[in-house]
Amino acid sequence: MKHDPDIDDWLSGEPTELYTMARTWFSQLRSCGEDVNELMHDGCPTACVKDAAFGYVNVFTAHVNVGFFLGATLSDPSGLLEGTGKRMRHIKLKPGKEIDAEALGRLIREAYVAVKSKL
């Protein structure tokens, strides 16, 4: 679906500080291109190119994850990505902890392009 209203409802949850962070970064995922669709997958907002997922956000007790389905293939000179899976990687965002927003934005765009190029 191009824009899922259930995702907007999910992104307005509590605690406000964490969901605000999730909303900010999901907005970046949404804005990658006209071909971005979204859905709730495994209980969290997921951004896709057509039907191929490239990124998601999820809120936990004390942090927010911004995750990438092909994260292991992304260039990460800032060392933001975490995880040891074959493909997926994520970034943990914590309230009060600075994040390199420019580097995260580059990862989001690169994740979008990587998935798009595989279609």
Protein backbone atom coordinates (compact mmCIF):
# COMPACT_ATOMS: atom_id res chain seq x y z
CA MET A 1 0.00 0.00 0.00
CA LYS A 2 1.31 3.46 -0.81
CA HIS A 3 0.45 4.91 2.59
CA ASP A 4 -0.92 2.74 5.39
CA PRO A 5 -2.95 4.74 7.96
CA ASP A 6 -2.37 1.94 10.50
CA ILE A 7 1.30 2.89 10.44
CA ASP A 8 0.47 6.48 11.34
CA ASP A 9 -1.56 5.17 14.28
CA TRP A 10 1.32 2.92 15.36
CA LEU A 11 3.80 5.80 15.10
CA SER A 12 1.70 7.93 17.48
CA GLY A 13 2.25 5.54 20.40
CA GLU A 14 3.73 6.01 23.84
CA PRO A 15 6.36 6.72 25.11
CA THR A 16 6.27 9.84 22.99
CA GLU A 17 10.04 10.39 22.83
CA LEU A 18 10.71 6.95 21.32
CA TYR A 19 7.79 7.07 18.89
CA THR A 20 8.83 10.57 17.78
CA MET A 21 12.24 9.17 16.88
CA ALA A 22 10.61 6.29 15.00
CA ARG A 23 8.29 8.68 13.17
CA THR A 24 11.22 10.88 12.10
CA TRP A 25 13.16 8.02 10.58
CA PHE A 26 10.18 6.23 9.03
CA SER A 27 9.42 9.51 7.32
CA GLN A 28 12.90 9.31 5.74
CA LEU A 29 12.17 5.77 4.53
CA ARG A 30 8.83 6.91 3.08
CA SER A 31 10.44 9.77 1.17
CA CYS A 32 12.99 7.71 -0.76
CA GLY A 33 10.93 7.56 -3.94
CA GLU A 34 7.55 7.50 -5.62
CA ASP A 35 7.71 3.70 -5.74
CA VAL A 36 7.91 3.26 -1.95
CA ASN A 37 5.07 1.26 -0.44
CA GLU A 38 4.56 0.47 3.23
CA LEU A 39 3.08 -2.22 5.38
CA MET A 40 3.08 -3.54 8.91
CA HIS A 41 5.40 -6.56 8.96
CA ASP A 42 6.06 -8.53 12.14
CA GLY A 43 4.38 -5.74 14.08
CA CYS A 44 6.47 -2.83 12.84
CA PRO A 45 6.31 -0.29 9.99
CA THR A 46 8.20 -1.49 6.94
CA ALA A 47 9.12 0.38 3.75
CA CYS A 48 9.28 -1.47 0.44
CA VAL A 49 10.13 -0.82 -3.17
CA LYS A 50 7.09 -2.36 -4.81
CA ASP A 51 6.85 -5.50 -2.64
CA ALA A 52 10.54 -5.83 -1.68
CA ALA A 53 11.27 -4.58 1.84
CA PHE A 54 14.29 -2.34 2.38
CA GLY A 55 13.86 -0.77 5.83
CA TYR A 56 11.80 -0.70 9.00
CA VAL A 57 11.51 0.98 12.37
CA ASN A 58 10.64 -0.65 15.67
CA VAL A 59 10.26 0.71 19.18
CA PHE A 60 11.54 -1.16 22.22
CA THR A 61 11.51 -0.30 25.92
CA ALA A 62 14.52 2.04 25.83
CA HIS A 63 15.49 2.41 22.18
CA VAL A 64 14.35 2.52 18.56
CA ASN A 65 15.75 0.32 15.82
CA VAL A 66 16.07 1.47 12.24
CA GLY A 67 16.70 -1.72 10.33
CA PHE A 68 17.72 -2.70 6.84
CA PHE A 69 16.84 -5.97 5.14
CA LEU A 70 20.06 -5.94 3.06
CA GLY A 71 22.04 -4.13 5.74
CA ALA A 72 25.06 -6.44 5.51
CA THR A 73 25.66 -5.15 1.98
CA LEU A 74 25.57 -1.45 2.90
CA SER A 75 28.64 0.76 3.12
CA ASP A 76 28.91 1.94 6.74
CA PRO A 77 32.09 4.00 7.21
CA SER A 78 30.60 5.59 10.37
CA GLY A 79 30.13 2.18 12.00
CA LEU A 80 26.46 2.71 12.88
CA LEU A 81 25.15 -0.72 11.89
CA GLU A 82 24.77 -3.55 14.39
CA GLY A 83 23.99 -7.22 13.94
CA THR A 84 25.62 -10.39 12.74
CA GLY A 85 22.93 -11.92 10.53
CA LYS A 86 23.55 -13.00 6.97
CA ARG A 87 21.63 -10.00 5.53
CA MET A 88 19.91 -7.78 8.09
CA ARG A 89 21.48 -5.00 10.13
CA HIS A 90 20.02 -2.29 12.37
CA ILE A 91 20.93 0.91 14.17
CA LYS A 92 19.88 1.50 17.77
CA LEU A 93 18.73 5.01 18.57
CA LYS A 94 18.54 5.98 22.23
CA PRO A 95 17.03 9.12 23.74
CA GLY A 96 19.68 11.67 24.66
CA LYS A 97 22.36 9.93 22.59
CA GLU A 98 23.59 11.79 19.51
CA ILE A 99 23.25 10.04 16.18
CA ASP A 100 25.02 10.92 12.96
CA ALA A 101 21.83 11.88 11.12
CA GLU A 102 23.66 12.45 7.85
CA ALA A 103 25.24 8.98 7.93
CA LEU A 104 21.90 7.36 8.82
CA GLY A 105 20.23 9.24 5.98
CA ARG A 106 22.89 7.93 3.57
CA LEU A 107 22.26 4.37 4.78
CA ILE A 108 18.53 4.77 4.20
CA ARG A 109 19.05 6.02 0.66
CA GLU A 110 21.62 3.30 -0.06
CA ALA A 111 19.25 0.60 1.27
CA TYR A 112 16.49 1.89 -1.01
CA VAL A 113 18.77 1.93 -4.06
CA ALA A 114 20.17 -1.55 -3.24
CA VAL A 115 16.71 -3.13 -3.12
CA LYS A 116 15.49 -1.19 -6.17
CA SER A 117 18.47 -2.36 -8.21
CA LYS A 118 17.61 -5.99 -7.48
CA LEU A 119 14.11 -5.71 -8.93
